[in-house]
Amino acid sequence: MSHYASRDYPKLAKTGFFIGVTLFAVGGLGEIVGSVVFGGLPGWEQTLLFDMEVLGIALGLFSPLLFGVVAPLVE
């Protein structure tokens, strides 16, 4: 019996995808709303929100690939 048999890969893939989508949405909406409400954001806030968008895209793409395809095959 494998050590990883107790992992729920579909749940991990879905959770990672939805966390990625949430990061992307918060980063995108934060930039839009922050610019409209405050007229402009400081550089560190723009960088933080942009990084959230990039991390959200990466997590949303790679989580299903890793937990939906690679991990079950490696096991």
PDB file of N, CA and C in Angstrom:
ATOM      1  N   MET A   1       0.840  -1.174   0.000  1.00  0.00           N
ATOM      2  CA  MET A   1       0.000   0.000   0.000  1.00  0.00           C
ATOM      3  C   MET A   1       0.890   1.243   0.000  1.00  0.00           C
ATOM      4  N   SER A   2       0.529   2.203  -0.778  1.00  0.00           N
ATOM      5  CA  SER A   2       1.322   3.405  -0.949  1.00  0.00           C
ATOM      6  C   SER A   2       1.105   4.384   0.212  1.00  0.00           C
ATOM      7  N   HIS A   3       2.123   5.168   0.461  1.00  0.00           N
ATOM      8  CA  HIS A   3       2.059   6.181   1.508  1.00  0.00           C
ATOM      9  C   HIS A   3       1.073   7.284   1.131  1.00  0.00           C
ATOM     10  N   TYR A   4       0.901   7.550  -0.149  1.00  0.00           N
ATOM     11  CA  TYR A   4       0.065   8.642  -0.620  1.00  0.00           C
ATOM     12  C   TYR A   4      -1.359   8.211  -0.951  1.00  0.00           C
ATOM     13  N   ALA A   5      -1.740   7.005  -0.616  1.00  0.00           N
ATOM     14  CA  ALA A   5      -3.055   6.491  -0.986  1.00  0.00           C
ATOM     15  C   ALA A   5      -4.191   7.274  -0.322  1.00  0.00           C
ATOM     16  N   SER A   6      -3.927   7.944   0.772  1.00  0.00           N
ATOM     17  CA  SER A   6      -4.979   8.666   1.469  1.00  0.00           C
ATOM     18  C   SER A   6      -5.212  10.067   0.897  1.00  0.00           C
ATOM     19  N   ARG A   7      -4.427  10.494  -0.075  1.00  0.00           N
ATOM     20  CA  ARG A   7      -4.597  11.827  -0.654  1.00  0.00           C
ATOM     21  C   ARG A   7      -5.831  11.858  -1.552  1.00  0.00           C
ATOM     22  N   ASP A   8      -6.562  12.954  -1.459  1.00  0.00           N
ATOM     23  CA  ASP A   8      -7.736  13.144  -2.302  1.00  0.00           C
ATOM     24  C   ASP A   8      -7.353  14.114  -3.417  1.00  0.00           C
ATOM     25  N   TYR A   9      -6.805  13.573  -4.491  1.00  0.00           N
ATOM     26  CA  TYR A   9      -6.273  14.406  -5.568  1.00  0.00           C
ATOM     27  C   TYR A   9      -7.321  15.268  -6.265  1.00  0.00           C
ATOM     28  N   PRO A  10      -8.516  14.773  -6.540  1.00  0.00           N
ATOM     29  CA  PRO A  10      -9.512  15.659  -7.164  1.00  0.00           C
ATOM     30  C   PRO A  10      -9.858  16.864  -6.284  1.00  0.00           C
ATOM     31  N   LYS A  11      -9.947  16.644  -4.980  1.00  0.00           N
ATOM     32  CA  LYS A  11     -10.255  17.753  -4.079  1.00  0.00           C
ATOM     33  C   LYS A  11      -9.102  18.755  -4.047  1.00  0.00           C
ATOM     34  N   LEU A  12      -7.863  18.263  -4.020  1.00  0.00           N
ATOM     35  CA  LEU A  12      -6.707  19.154  -4.039  1.00  0.00           C
ATOM     36  C   LEU A  12      -6.646  19.956  -5.335  1.00  0.00           C
ATOM     37  N   ALA A  13      -6.963  19.322  -6.449  1.00  0.00           N
ATOM     38  CA  ALA A  13      -6.944  20.014  -7.741  1.00  0.00           C
ATOM     39  C   ALA A  13      -8.005  21.115  -7.784  1.00  0.00           C
ATOM     40  N   LYS A  14      -9.208  20.803  -7.333  1.00  0.00           N
ATOM     41  CA  LYS A  14     -10.295  21.786  -7.333  1.00  0.00           C
ATOM     42  C   LYS A  14     -10.007  22.934  -6.377  1.00  0.00           C
ATOM     43  N   THR A  15      -9.515  22.600  -5.195  1.00  0.00           N
ATOM     44  CA  THR A  15      -9.216  23.635  -4.203  1.00  0.00           C
ATOM     45  C   THR A  15      -8.120  24.567  -4.701  1.00  0.00           C
ATOM     46  N   GLY A  16      -7.061  24.000  -5.267  1.00  0.00           N
ATOM     47  CA  GLY A  16      -5.986  24.829  -5.811  1.00  0.00           C
ATOM     48  C   GLY A  16      -6.460  25.717  -6.935  1.00  0.00           C
ATOM     49  N   PHE A  17      -7.317  25.174  -7.802  1.00  0.00           N
ATOM     50  CA  PHE A  17      -7.856  25.974  -8.907  1.00  0.00           C
ATOM     51  C   PHE A  17      -8.684  27.139  -8.378  1.00  0.00           C
ATOM     52  N   PHE A  18      -9.564  26.872  -7.423  1.00  0.00           N
ATOM     53  CA  PHE A  18     -10.424  27.936  -6.911  1.00  0.00           C
ATOM     54  C   PHE A  18      -9.650  28.969  -6.092  1.00  0.00           C
ATOM     55  N   ILE A  19      -8.604  28.565  -5.421  1.00  0.00           N
ATOM     56  CA  ILE A  19      -7.744  29.539  -4.737  1.00  0.00           C
ATOM     57  C   ILE A  19      -7.053  30.420  -5.770  1.00  0.00           C
ATOM     58  N   GLY A  20      -6.611  29.825  -6.868  1.00  0.00           N
ATOM     59  CA  GLY A  20      -5.999  30.598  -7.948  1.00  0.00           C
ATOM     60  C   GLY A  20      -6.970  31.586  -8.562  1.00  0.00           C
ATOM     61  N   VAL A  21      -8.183  31.156  -8.809  1.00  0.00           N
ATOM     62  CA  VAL A  21      -9.197  32.057  -9.369  1.00  0.00           C
ATOM     63  C   VAL A  21      -9.497  33.187  -8.391  1.00  0.00           C
ATOM     64  N   THR A  22      -9.557  32.865  -7.110  1.00  0.00           N
ATOM     65  CA  THR A  22      -9.823  33.888  -6.098  1.00  0.00           C
ATOM     66  C   THR A  22      -8.686  34.906  -6.036  1.00  0.00           C
ATOM     67  N   LEU A  23      -7.446  34.432  -6.066  1.00  0.00           N
ATOM     68  CA  LEU A  23      -6.316  35.361  -6.063  1.00  0.00           C
ATOM     69  C   LEU A  23      -6.353  36.271  -7.282  1.00  0.00           C
ATOM     70  N   PHE A  24      -6.628  35.693  -8.441  1.00  0.00           N
ATOM     71  CA  PHE A  24      -6.697  36.486  -9.664  1.00  0.00           C
ATOM     72  C   PHE A  24      -7.808  37.531  -9.580  1.00  0.00           C
ATOM     73  N   ALA A  25      -8.982  37.126  -9.104  1.00  0.00           N
ATOM     74  CA  ALA A  25     -10.111  38.050  -9.017  1.00  0.00           C
ATOM     75  C   ALA A  25      -9.852  39.167  -8.012  1.00  0.00           C
ATOM     76  N   VAL A  26      -9.296  38.820  -6.856  1.00  0.00           N
ATOM     77  CA  VAL A  26      -9.015  39.854  -5.845  1.00  0.00           C
ATOM     78  C   VAL A  26      -7.955  40.825  -6.354  1.00  0.00           C
ATOM     79  N   GLY A  27      -6.923  40.310  -7.006  1.00  0.00           N
ATOM     80  CA  GLY A  27      -5.893  41.183  -7.550  1.00  0.00           C
ATOM     81  C   GLY A  27      -6.420  42.096  -8.634  1.00  0.00           C
ATOM     82  N   GLY A  28      -7.206  41.550  -9.558  1.00  0.00           N
ATOM     83  CA  GLY A  28      -7.766  42.362 -10.643  1.00  0.00           C
ATOM     84  C   GLY A  28      -8.767  43.384 -10.153  1.00  0.00           C
ATOM     85  N   LEU A  29      -9.692  42.944  -9.310  1.00  0.00           N
ATOM     86  CA  LEU A  29     -10.684  43.885  -8.780  1.00  0.00           C
ATOM     87  C   LEU A  29     -10.048  44.914  -7.856  1.00  0.00           C
ATOM     88  N   GLY A  30      -9.018  44.505  -7.126  1.00  0.00           N
ATOM     89  CA  GLY A  30      -8.329  45.460  -6.255  1.00  0.00           C
ATOM     90  C   GLY A  30      -7.671  46.574  -7.035  1.00  0.00           C
ATOM     91  N   GLU A  31      -7.079  46.236  -8.173  1.00  0.00           N
ATOM     92  CA  GLU A  31      -6.473  47.277  -9.006  1.00  0.00           C
ATOM     93  C   GLU A  31      -7.527  48.206  -9.586  1.00  0.00           C
ATOM     94  N   ILE A  32      -8.610  47.631 -10.074  1.00  0.00           N
ATOM     95  CA  ILE A  32      -9.662  48.454 -10.688  1.00  0.00           C
ATOM     96  C   ILE A  32     -10.351  49.330  -9.645  1.00  0.00           C
ATOM     97  N   VAL A  33     -10.803  48.720  -8.565  1.00  0.00           N
ATOM     98  CA  VAL A  33     -11.532  49.466  -7.531  1.00  0.00           C
ATOM     99  C   VAL A  33     -10.612  50.466  -6.833  1.00  0.00           C
ATOM    100  N   GLY A  34      -9.380  50.043  -6.558  1.00  0.00           N
ATOM    101  CA  GLY A  34      -8.440  50.960  -5.910  1.00  0.00           C
ATOM    102  C   GLY A  34      -8.141  52.181  -6.749  1.00  0.00           C
ATOM    103  N   SER A  35      -8.009  52.001  -8.046  1.00  0.00           N
ATOM    104  CA  SER A  35      -7.746  53.142  -8.925  1.00  0.00           C
ATOM    105  C   SER A  35      -8.953  54.066  -9.036  1.00  0.00           C
ATOM    106  N   VAL A  36     -10.150  53.483  -9.061  1.00  0.00           N
ATOM    107  CA  VAL A  36     -11.359  54.295  -9.176  1.00  0.00           C
ATOM    108  C   VAL A  36     -11.648  55.034  -7.874  1.00  0.00           C
ATOM    109  N   VAL A  37     -11.553  54.343  -6.759  1.00  0.00           N
ATOM    110  CA  VAL A  37     -11.926  54.947  -5.472  1.00  0.00           C
ATOM    111  C   VAL A  37     -10.872  55.931  -4.983  1.00  0.00           C
ATOM    112  N   PHE A  38      -9.610  55.536  -5.048  1.00  0.00           N
ATOM    113  CA  PHE A  38      -8.552  56.366  -4.484  1.00  0.00           C
ATOM    114  C   PHE A  38      -7.821  57.202  -5.521  1.00  0.00           C
ATOM    115  N   GLY A  39      -8.125  57.031  -6.787  1.00  0.00           N
ATOM    116  CA  GLY A  39      -7.501  57.827  -7.827  1.00  0.00           C
ATOM    117  C   GLY A  39      -6.109  57.360  -8.184  1.00  0.00           C
ATOM    118  N   GLY A  40      -5.610  56.406  -7.541  1.00  0.00           N
ATOM    119  CA  GLY A  40      -4.274  55.878  -7.801  1.00  0.00           C
ATOM    120  C   GLY A  40      -3.760  55.170  -6.561  1.00  0.00           C
ATOM    121  N   LEU A  41      -3.013  54.131  -6.776  1.00  0.00           N
ATOM    122  CA  LEU A  41      -2.486  53.352  -5.659  1.00  0.00           C
ATOM    123  C   LEU A  41      -0.979  53.535  -5.573  1.00  0.00           C
ATOM    124  N   PRO A  42      -0.424  53.419  -4.367  1.00  0.00           N
ATOM    125  CA  PRO A  42       1.034  53.455  -4.240  1.00  0.00           C
ATOM    126  C   PRO A  42       1.663  52.278  -4.980  1.00  0.00           C
ATOM    127  N   GLY A  43       2.928  52.414  -5.281  1.00  0.00           N
ATOM    128  CA  GLY A  43       3.627  51.399  -6.048  1.00  0.00           C
ATOM    129  C   GLY A  43       3.622  50.031  -5.398  1.00  0.00           C
ATOM    130  N   TRP A  44       3.771  49.965  -4.073  1.00  0.00           N
ATOM    131  CA  TRP A  44       3.812  48.659  -3.422  1.00  0.00           C
ATOM    132  C   TRP A  44       2.466  47.956  -3.496  1.00  0.00           C
ATOM    133  N   GLU A  45       1.361  48.706  -3.468  1.00  0.00           N
ATOM    134  CA  GLU A  45       0.041  48.085  -3.579  1.00  0.00           C
ATOM    135  C   GLU A  45      -0.210  47.581  -5.001  1.00  0.00           C
ATOM    136  N   GLN A  46       0.217  48.345  -5.991  1.00  0.00           N
ATOM    137  CA  GLN A  46       0.081  47.889  -7.374  1.00  0.00           C
ATOM    138  C   GLN A  46       0.896  46.627  -7.608  1.00  0.00           C
ATOM    139  N   THR A  47       2.092  46.595  -7.046  1.00  0.00           N
ATOM    140  CA  THR A  47       2.940  45.410  -7.177  1.00  0.00           C
ATOM    141  C   THR A  47       2.309  44.208  -6.486  1.00  0.00           C
ATOM    142  N   LEU A  48       1.774  44.408  -5.296  1.00  0.00           N
ATOM    143  CA  LEU A  48       1.126  43.326  -4.559  1.00  0.00           C
ATOM    144  C   LEU A  48      -0.066  42.768  -5.324  1.00  0.00           C
ATOM    145  N   LEU A  49      -0.913  43.648  -5.851  1.00  0.00           N
ATOM    146  CA  LEU A  49      -2.093  43.201  -6.578  1.00  0.00           C
ATOM    147  C   LEU A  49      -1.717  42.520  -7.895  1.00  0.00           C
ATOM    148  N   PHE A  50      -0.698  43.029  -8.571  1.00  0.00           N
ATOM    149  CA  PHE A  50      -0.229  42.390  -9.799  1.00  0.00           C
ATOM    150  C   PHE A  50       0.346  41.011  -9.500  1.00  0.00           C
ATOM    151  N   ASP A  51       1.109  40.901  -8.431  1.00  0.00           N
ATOM    152  CA  ASP A  51       1.660  39.595  -8.041  1.00  0.00           C
ATOM    153  C   ASP A  51       0.555  38.612  -7.676  1.00  0.00           C
ATOM    154  N   MET A  52      -0.513  39.101  -7.069  1.00  0.00           N
ATOM    155  CA  MET A  52      -1.648  38.225  -6.767  1.00  0.00           C
ATOM    156  C   MET A  52      -2.275  37.691  -8.051  1.00  0.00           C
ATOM    157  N   GLU A  53      -2.388  38.549  -9.068  1.00  0.00           N
ATOM    158  CA  GLU A  53      -2.934  38.110 -10.349  1.00  0.00           C
ATOM    159  C   GLU A  53      -2.051  37.042 -10.992  1.00  0.00           C
ATOM    160  N   VAL A  54      -0.752  37.282 -11.015  1.00  0.00           N
ATOM    161  CA  VAL A  54       0.174  36.329 -11.637  1.00  0.00           C
ATOM    162  C   VAL A  54       0.178  35.009 -10.869  1.00  0.00           C
ATOM    163  N   LEU A  55       0.232  35.082  -9.553  1.00  0.00           N
ATOM    164  CA  LEU A  55       0.208  33.868  -8.737  1.00  0.00           C
ATOM    165  C   LEU A  55      -1.113  33.120  -8.901  1.00  0.00           C
ATOM    166  N   GLY A  56      -2.199  33.855  -9.020  1.00  0.00           N
ATOM    167  CA  GLY A  56      -3.502  33.231  -9.228  1.00  0.00           C
ATOM    168  C   GLY A  56      -3.577  32.484 -10.549  1.00  0.00           C
ATOM    169  N   ILE A  57      -3.032  33.070 -11.602  1.00  0.00           N
ATOM    170  CA  ILE A  57      -3.008  32.394 -12.902  1.00  0.00           C
ATOM    171  C   ILE A  57      -2.143  31.148 -12.828  1.00  0.00           C
ATOM    172  N   ALA A  58      -0.965  31.268 -12.252  1.00  0.00           N
ATOM    173  CA  ALA A  58      -0.056  30.121 -12.157  1.00  0.00           C
ATOM    174  C   ALA A  58      -0.670  29.003 -11.316  1.00  0.00           C
ATOM    175  N   LEU A  59      -1.248  29.351 -10.190  1.00  0.00           N
ATOM    176  CA  LEU A  59      -1.854  28.337  -9.321  1.00  0.00           C
ATOM    177  C   LEU A  59      -3.075  27.706  -9.984  1.00  0.00           C
ATOM    178  N   GLY A  60      -3.876  28.525 -10.656  1.00  0.00           N
ATOM    179  CA  GLY A  60      -5.055  28.010 -11.335  1.00  0.00           C
ATOM    180  C   GLY A  60      -4.724  27.069 -12.481  1.00  0.00           C
ATOM    181  N   LEU A  61      -3.592  27.271 -13.125  1.00  0.00           N
ATOM    182  CA  LEU A  61      -3.198  26.404 -14.235  1.00  0.00           C
ATOM    183  C   LEU A  61      -2.445  25.166 -13.770  1.00  0.00           C
ATOM    184  N   PHE A  62      -1.535  25.338 -12.838  1.00  0.00           N
ATOM    185  CA  PHE A  62      -0.660  24.232 -12.460  1.00  0.00           C
ATOM    186  C   PHE A  62      -1.243  23.302 -11.405  1.00  0.00           C
ATOM    187  N   SER A  63      -2.168  23.772 -10.601  1.00  0.00           N
ATOM    188  CA  SER A  63      -2.749  22.907  -9.579  1.00  0.00           C
ATOM    189  C   SER A  63      -3.515  21.726 -10.182  1.00  0.00           C
ATOM    190  N   PRO A  64      -4.416  21.949 -11.152  1.00  0.00           N
ATOM    191  CA  PRO A  64      -5.080  20.784 -11.762  1.00  0.00           C
ATOM    192  C   PRO A  64      -4.103  19.890 -12.524  1.00  0.00           C
ATOM    193  N   LEU A  65      -3.112  20.493 -13.149  1.00  0.00           N
ATOM    194  CA  LEU A  65      -2.125  19.698 -13.870  1.00  0.00           C
ATOM    195  C   LEU A  65      -1.334  18.822 -12.902  1.00  0.00           C
ATOM    196  N   LEU A  66      -0.916  19.396 -11.795  1.00  0.00           N
ATOM    197  CA  LEU A  66      -0.114  18.653 -10.833  1.00  0.00           C
ATOM    198  C   LEU A  66      -0.945  17.601 -10.097  1.00  0.00           C
ATOM    199  N   PHE A  67      -2.074  18.014  -9.516  1.00  0.00           N
ATOM    200  CA  PHE A  67      -2.859  17.097  -8.690  1.00  0.00           C
ATOM    201  C   PHE A  67      -3.850  16.256  -9.490  1.00  0.00           C
ATOM    202  N   GLY A  68      -4.165  16.669 -10.703  1.00  0.00           N
ATOM    203  CA  GLY A  68      -5.106  15.906 -11.499  1.00  0.00           C
ATOM    204  C   GLY A  68      -4.453  14.931 -12.455  1.00  0.00           C
ATOM    205  N   VAL A  69      -3.194  15.204 -12.859  1.00  0.00           N
ATOM    206  CA  VAL A  69      -2.536  14.370 -13.856  1.00  0.00           C
ATOM    207  C   VAL A  69      -1.253  13.748 -13.309  1.00  0.00           C
ATOM    208  N   VAL A  70      -0.332  14.584 -12.867  1.00  0.00           N
ATOM    209  CA  VAL A  70       1.013  14.115 -12.523  1.00  0.00           C
ATOM    210  C   VAL A  70       1.027  13.273 -11.239  1.00  0.00           C
ATOM    211  N   ALA A  71       0.452  13.794 -10.168  1.00  0.00           N
ATOM    212  CA  ALA A  71       0.522  13.082  -8.884  1.00  0.00           C
ATOM    213  C   ALA A  71      -0.132  11.694  -8.925  1.00  0.00           C
ATOM    214  N   PRO A  72      -1.318  11.552  -9.516  1.00  0.00           N
ATOM    215  CA  PRO A  72      -1.866  10.177  -9.581  1.00  0.00           C
ATOM    216  C   PRO A  72      -1.036   9.239 -10.442  1.00  0.00           C
ATOM    217  N   LEU A  73      -0.392   9.757 -11.486  1.00  0.00           N
ATOM    218  CA  LEU A  73       0.439   8.894 -12.328  1.00  0.00           C
ATOM    219  C   LEU A  73       1.722   8.487 -11.624  1.00  0.00           C
ATOM    220  N   VAL A  74       2.296   9.394 -10.837  1.00  0.00           N
ATOM    221  CA  VAL A  74       3.536   9.098 -10.126  1.00  0.00           C
ATOM    222  C   VAL A  74       3.273   8.083  -9.012  1.00  0.00           C
ATOM    223  N   GLU A  75       2.110   8.178  -8.412  1.00  0.00           N
ATOM    224  CA  GLU A  75       1.763   7.264  -7.331  1.00  0.00           C
ATOM    225  C   GLU A  75       1.677   5.877  -7.878  1.00  0.00           C
TER     226      GLU A  75
END
